[in-house]
Amino acid sequence: MKIEVWSDVMCPLCYIGKTNLETALEQFEHKAEVKIVFRPFQLFPNAPSNTGKDYYTWTAEIHGGGMSTDYVREGNKSVIQMAKEIGLIYNLDTMIPSNTLDALRLAVYAQEQGKAREWMARAHKAYFTDLLDIGDHETLVKLAGEIGLNTNEALDILSSDQYKDTVKNERQHGSQLGITGVPFYIFNDKYAVSGVRTSNAFLDLLEQVWREEHPLQMIDDVSNGDSEGGLCADGVCKI
């Protein structure tokens, strides 16, 4: 089974969704046969970095449309609680809001190295919990090293334009598929789910997709005489 996960580092629901999906996978009977493919979907490509503004003000401004800081703060209360319920800590009051292009470029690199899941987990935690600036190259290189990526290669990527077009093109591709927000999940290029889900809901989805992709094949040929073809149902047995 292939699961494409479209997300952005700055998306608080993506971190929750990622955590719940991985919890569900641990309980899934066929987890060894599941491949996770990360797809970057940068929500705000033009978002500024190093503004010195708090998360709520910064978020209100990049959304535009007259959204107020108080509206953002109030709206995130339920998100903070949702994160807390699954063991995640969101320090939104003191976090450093930043453009996520460079973090997503390293996510593409991590995908090539088979470490996209580890990178996204570390980048999310750095952003929402550890109060690190994920727009800072030195910080990103350090994080790359923590999950076993080559720090020299990570620095070379950040010092160049490598993967910038990839991040841009992936977002365009997602938009063509009808994706307008994240998290967004595509199972086996066939089944799409948008928005955060609980771990139980993800487990139900995994099992549903598996059943539909691997239906039982009934064998009902008794002509060779090896079986009498008997069946018991509703308290009655028939031959």
Protein backbone atom coordinates (compact mmCIF):
# COMPACT_ATOMS: atom_id res chain seq x y z
CA MET A 1 0.00 0.00 0.00
CA LYS A 2 1.27 3.46 -0.86
CA ILE A 3 0.23 6.50 1.14
CA GLU A 4 1.12 9.94 -0.16
CA VAL A 5 1.16 12.51 2.62
CA TRP A 6 0.87 16.13 1.49
CA SER A 7 1.93 18.52 4.22
CA ASP A 8 3.88 21.59 5.29
CA VAL A 9 6.16 22.03 8.30
CA MET A 10 4.23 25.12 9.40
CA CYS A 11 0.90 23.26 9.48
CA PRO A 12 -0.03 22.38 13.08
CA LEU A 13 -2.65 19.85 11.98
CA CYS A 14 -0.08 18.11 9.77
CA TYR A 15 2.05 17.29 12.81
CA ILE A 16 -0.99 15.91 14.62
CA GLY A 17 -2.07 13.95 11.55
CA LYS A 18 1.41 12.53 11.04
CA THR A 19 1.55 11.36 14.64
CA ASN A 20 -1.89 9.75 14.47
CA LEU A 21 -1.13 8.01 11.18
CA GLU A 22 2.05 6.50 12.56
CA THR A 23 0.20 5.36 15.70
CA ALA A 24 -2.34 3.64 13.45
CA LEU A 25 0.40 2.04 11.36
CA GLU A 26 1.90 0.45 14.48
CA GLN A 27 -1.40 -1.37 14.97
CA PHE A 28 -1.92 -2.25 11.31
CA GLU A 29 -1.41 -5.93 10.51
CA HIS A 30 0.15 -5.20 7.12
CA LYS A 31 2.34 -2.25 8.16
CA ALA A 32 5.43 -3.86 6.61
CA GLU A 33 3.77 -3.52 3.22
CA VAL A 34 2.97 0.20 3.57
CA LYS A 35 5.14 2.80 1.88
CA ILE A 36 4.84 6.44 2.95
CA VAL A 37 5.65 9.04 0.29
CA PHE A 38 6.07 12.63 1.48
CA ARG A 39 4.77 15.40 -0.78
CA PRO A 40 5.61 19.02 0.08
CA PHE A 41 2.72 21.46 -0.14
CA GLN A 42 3.99 24.86 0.94
CA LEU A 43 0.98 26.75 2.20
CA PHE A 44 2.45 30.25 1.96
CA PRO A 45 5.44 30.44 -0.43
CA ASN A 46 5.73 34.19 0.11
CA ALA A 47 5.59 34.10 3.89
CA PRO A 48 8.35 36.24 5.46
CA SER A 49 11.02 35.15 7.92
CA ASN A 50 12.86 37.03 10.66
CA THR A 51 10.04 39.52 11.22
CA GLY A 52 10.25 39.47 15.01
CA LYS A 53 6.46 39.17 15.12
CA ASP A 54 4.65 36.61 17.24
CA TYR A 55 3.02 33.59 15.62
CA TYR A 56 -0.53 34.91 15.88
CA THR A 57 0.22 38.30 14.33
CA TRP A 58 2.41 36.74 11.63
CA THR A 59 -0.25 34.15 10.76
CA ALA A 60 -3.01 36.75 10.58
CA GLU A 61 -0.93 38.90 8.23
CA ILE A 62 0.06 36.10 5.81
CA HIS A 63 -3.55 34.96 5.56
CA GLY A 64 -4.73 38.47 4.77
CA GLY A 65 -8.38 39.28 4.34
CA GLY A 66 -8.61 41.25 7.53
CA MET A 67 -8.02 38.24 9.79
CA SER A 68 -7.28 39.43 13.32
CA THR A 69 -4.59 38.27 15.70
CA ASP A 70 -7.23 37.46 18.32
CA TYR A 71 -9.10 35.31 15.80
CA VAL A 72 -5.96 33.26 15.12
CA ARG A 73 -5.20 32.91 18.82
CA GLU A 74 -8.72 31.77 19.64
CA GLY A 75 -8.84 29.38 16.70
CA ASN A 76 -5.64 27.65 17.76
CA LYS A 77 -6.80 26.84 21.28
CA SER A 78 -8.54 23.69 20.10
CA VAL A 79 -5.50 22.74 18.02
CA ILE A 80 -3.20 23.08 21.05
CA GLN A 81 -5.57 20.88 23.07
CA MET A 82 -5.79 18.32 20.27
CA ALA A 83 -2.00 18.13 20.17
CA LYS A 84 -1.76 17.82 23.95
CA GLU A 85 -4.13 14.84 23.94
CA ILE A 86 -1.67 12.82 21.84
CA GLY A 87 1.44 13.94 23.70
CA LEU A 88 2.54 16.87 21.54
CA ILE A 89 3.43 20.26 23.02
CA TYR A 90 2.70 23.39 20.98
CA ASN A 91 4.42 26.54 22.24
CA LEU A 92 2.65 28.88 19.84
CA ASP A 93 2.97 31.91 22.13
CA THR A 94 6.75 31.98 21.86
CA MET A 95 7.58 30.09 18.64
CA ILE A 96 9.52 31.67 15.77
CA PRO A 97 7.33 31.83 12.65
CA SER A 98 9.27 31.36 9.43
CA ASN A 99 9.05 30.60 5.73
CA THR A 100 9.27 26.83 5.27
CA LEU A 101 10.86 26.57 1.82
CA ASP A 102 14.29 25.51 3.06
CA ALA A 103 12.83 23.01 5.53
CA LEU A 104 10.78 21.51 2.71
CA ARG A 105 13.81 21.39 0.41
CA LEU A 106 15.55 19.26 3.00
CA ALA A 107 12.40 17.17 3.27
CA VAL A 108 12.74 16.32 -0.43
CA TYR A 109 16.39 15.40 0.17
CA ALA A 110 15.38 13.32 3.21
CA GLN A 111 12.80 11.51 1.06
CA GLU A 112 15.56 10.50 -1.34
CA GLN A 113 17.56 9.20 1.60
CA GLY A 114 14.64 7.25 3.02
CA LYS A 115 14.28 9.57 6.02
CA ALA A 116 11.33 11.81 5.18
CA ARG A 117 9.28 10.58 8.14
CA GLU A 118 12.14 11.27 10.53
CA TRP A 119 12.81 14.68 9.02
CA MET A 120 9.22 15.87 9.17
CA ALA A 121 8.88 14.69 12.77
CA ARG A 122 12.05 16.53 13.78
CA ALA A 123 11.20 19.67 11.81
CA HIS A 124 7.69 19.82 13.26
CA LYS A 125 9.01 19.42 16.80
CA ALA A 126 11.69 22.04 16.20
CA TYR A 127 9.07 24.50 14.99
CA PHE A 128 6.15 23.96 17.35
CA THR A 129 7.85 22.73 20.51
CA ASP A 130 11.55 23.56 20.63
CA LEU A 131 11.19 27.20 19.51
CA LEU A 132 13.88 26.87 16.84
CA ASP A 133 14.07 28.99 13.70
CA ILE A 134 13.50 26.55 10.84
CA GLY A 135 14.36 29.29 8.38
CA ASP A 136 17.91 29.40 9.69
CA HIS A 137 20.38 27.30 7.70
CA GLU A 138 22.64 26.50 10.63
CA THR A 139 19.66 25.22 12.60
CA LEU A 140 18.41 23.11 9.69
CA VAL A 141 21.83 21.52 9.15
CA LYS A 142 22.01 20.63 12.84
CA LEU A 143 18.56 19.04 12.68
CA ALA A 144 19.57 17.10 9.58
CA GLY A 145 22.53 15.66 11.45
CA GLU A 146 20.32 14.65 14.37
CA ILE A 147 18.31 12.27 12.18
CA GLY A 148 21.32 10.85 10.39
CA LEU A 149 21.41 12.93 7.22
CA ASN A 150 24.74 14.06 5.79
CA THR A 151 25.28 17.57 7.16
CA ASN A 152 27.69 18.56 4.39
CA GLU A 153 25.15 17.60 1.75
CA ALA A 154 22.41 19.41 3.66
CA LEU A 155 24.52 22.57 3.78
CA ASP A 156 25.32 22.31 0.05
CA ILE A 157 21.60 22.06 -0.71
CA LEU A 158 20.72 25.08 1.42
CA SER A 159 23.55 27.09 -0.11
CA SER A 160 22.18 26.48 -3.59
CA ASP A 161 18.81 26.51 -5.34
CA GLN A 162 18.55 22.73 -5.28
CA TYR A 163 15.01 21.40 -4.84
CA LYS A 164 13.42 24.86 -4.97
CA ASP A 165 11.71 23.99 -8.23
CA THR A 166 10.73 20.61 -6.81
CA VAL A 167 8.90 22.20 -3.91
CA LYS A 168 7.20 24.68 -6.25
CA ASN A 169 6.21 21.99 -8.77
CA GLU A 170 4.88 19.65 -6.09
CA ARG A 171 2.55 22.35 -4.84
CA GLN A 172 1.33 23.00 -8.37
CA HIS A 173 0.79 19.28 -8.88
CA GLY A 174 -1.18 19.09 -5.65
CA SER A 175 -3.33 22.01 -6.71
CA GLN A 176 -4.06 20.25 -10.01
CA LEU A 177 -5.26 17.25 -8.01
CA GLY A 178 -7.69 19.52 -6.19
CA ILE A 179 -5.69 19.95 -2.99
CA THR A 180 -6.35 23.34 -1.40
CA GLY A 181 -5.07 22.63 2.11
CA VAL A 182 -3.16 20.13 4.21
CA PRO A 183 -2.89 17.57 5.61
CA PHE A 184 -4.05 15.57 2.61
CA TYR A 185 -3.61 11.84 2.08
CA ILE A 186 -3.86 9.71 -1.04
CA PHE A 187 -3.99 5.93 -0.69
CA ASN A 188 -2.83 3.83 -3.66
CA ASP A 189 -3.41 6.70 -6.10
CA LYS A 190 -7.13 6.04 -5.66
CA TYR A 191 -8.54 7.05 -2.28
CA ALA A 192 -8.20 10.61 -0.97
CA VAL A 193 -8.70 11.91 2.55
CA SER A 194 -8.34 15.53 3.65
CA GLY A 195 -7.89 16.94 7.12
CA VAL A 196 -6.63 15.53 10.39
CA ARG A 197 -7.91 12.13 11.57
CA THR A 198 -7.62 10.26 14.85
CA SER A 199 -5.40 7.19 15.02
CA ASN A 200 -8.50 4.96 15.20
CA ALA A 201 -9.95 6.62 12.11
CA PHE A 202 -6.67 6.11 10.27
CA LEU A 203 -6.60 2.46 11.28
CA ASP A 204 -10.13 2.01 9.93
CA LEU A 205 -9.04 3.66 6.67
CA LEU A 206 -5.99 1.44 6.37
CA GLU A 207 -8.06 -1.69 6.89
CA GLN A 208 -10.78 -0.51 4.51
CA VAL A 209 -8.33 0.25 1.71
CA TRP A 210 -6.52 -3.03 2.27
CA ARG A 211 -9.78 -5.01 2.04
CA GLU A 212 -10.88 -3.22 -1.11
CA GLU A 213 -7.49 -3.70 -2.75
CA HIS A 214 -7.20 -7.34 -1.63
CA PRO A 215 -10.71 -8.85 -1.93
CA LEU A 216 -11.30 -12.50 -1.05
CA GLN A 217 -11.41 -14.83 -4.04
CA MET A 218 -14.15 -17.43 -3.59
CA ILE A 219 -13.43 -20.95 -4.83
CA ASP A 220 -16.69 -22.83 -5.33
CA ASP A 221 -15.84 -25.69 -7.67
CA VAL A 222 -16.72 -29.10 -6.16
CA SER A 223 -16.84 -30.96 -9.45
CA ASN A 224 -13.68 -32.93 -8.69
CA GLY A 225 -15.39 -34.70 -5.81
CA ASP A 226 -12.94 -33.53 -3.15
CA SER A 227 -15.72 -31.67 -1.31
CA GLU A 228 -19.38 -32.33 -0.70
CA GLY A 229 -20.12 -28.60 -0.76
CA GLY A 230 -21.95 -28.56 2.55
CA LEU A 231 -22.76 -25.32 4.37
CA CYS A 232 -24.18 -24.52 7.77
CA ALA A 233 -25.99 -21.21 8.25
CA ASP A 234 -28.74 -19.93 10.52
CA GLY A 235 -28.77 -23.17 12.49
CA VAL A 236 -29.41 -25.32 9.41
CA CYS A 237 -26.85 -27.49 7.64
CA LYS A 238 -27.35 -28.32 3.98
CA ILE A 239 -25.48 -30.58 1.59
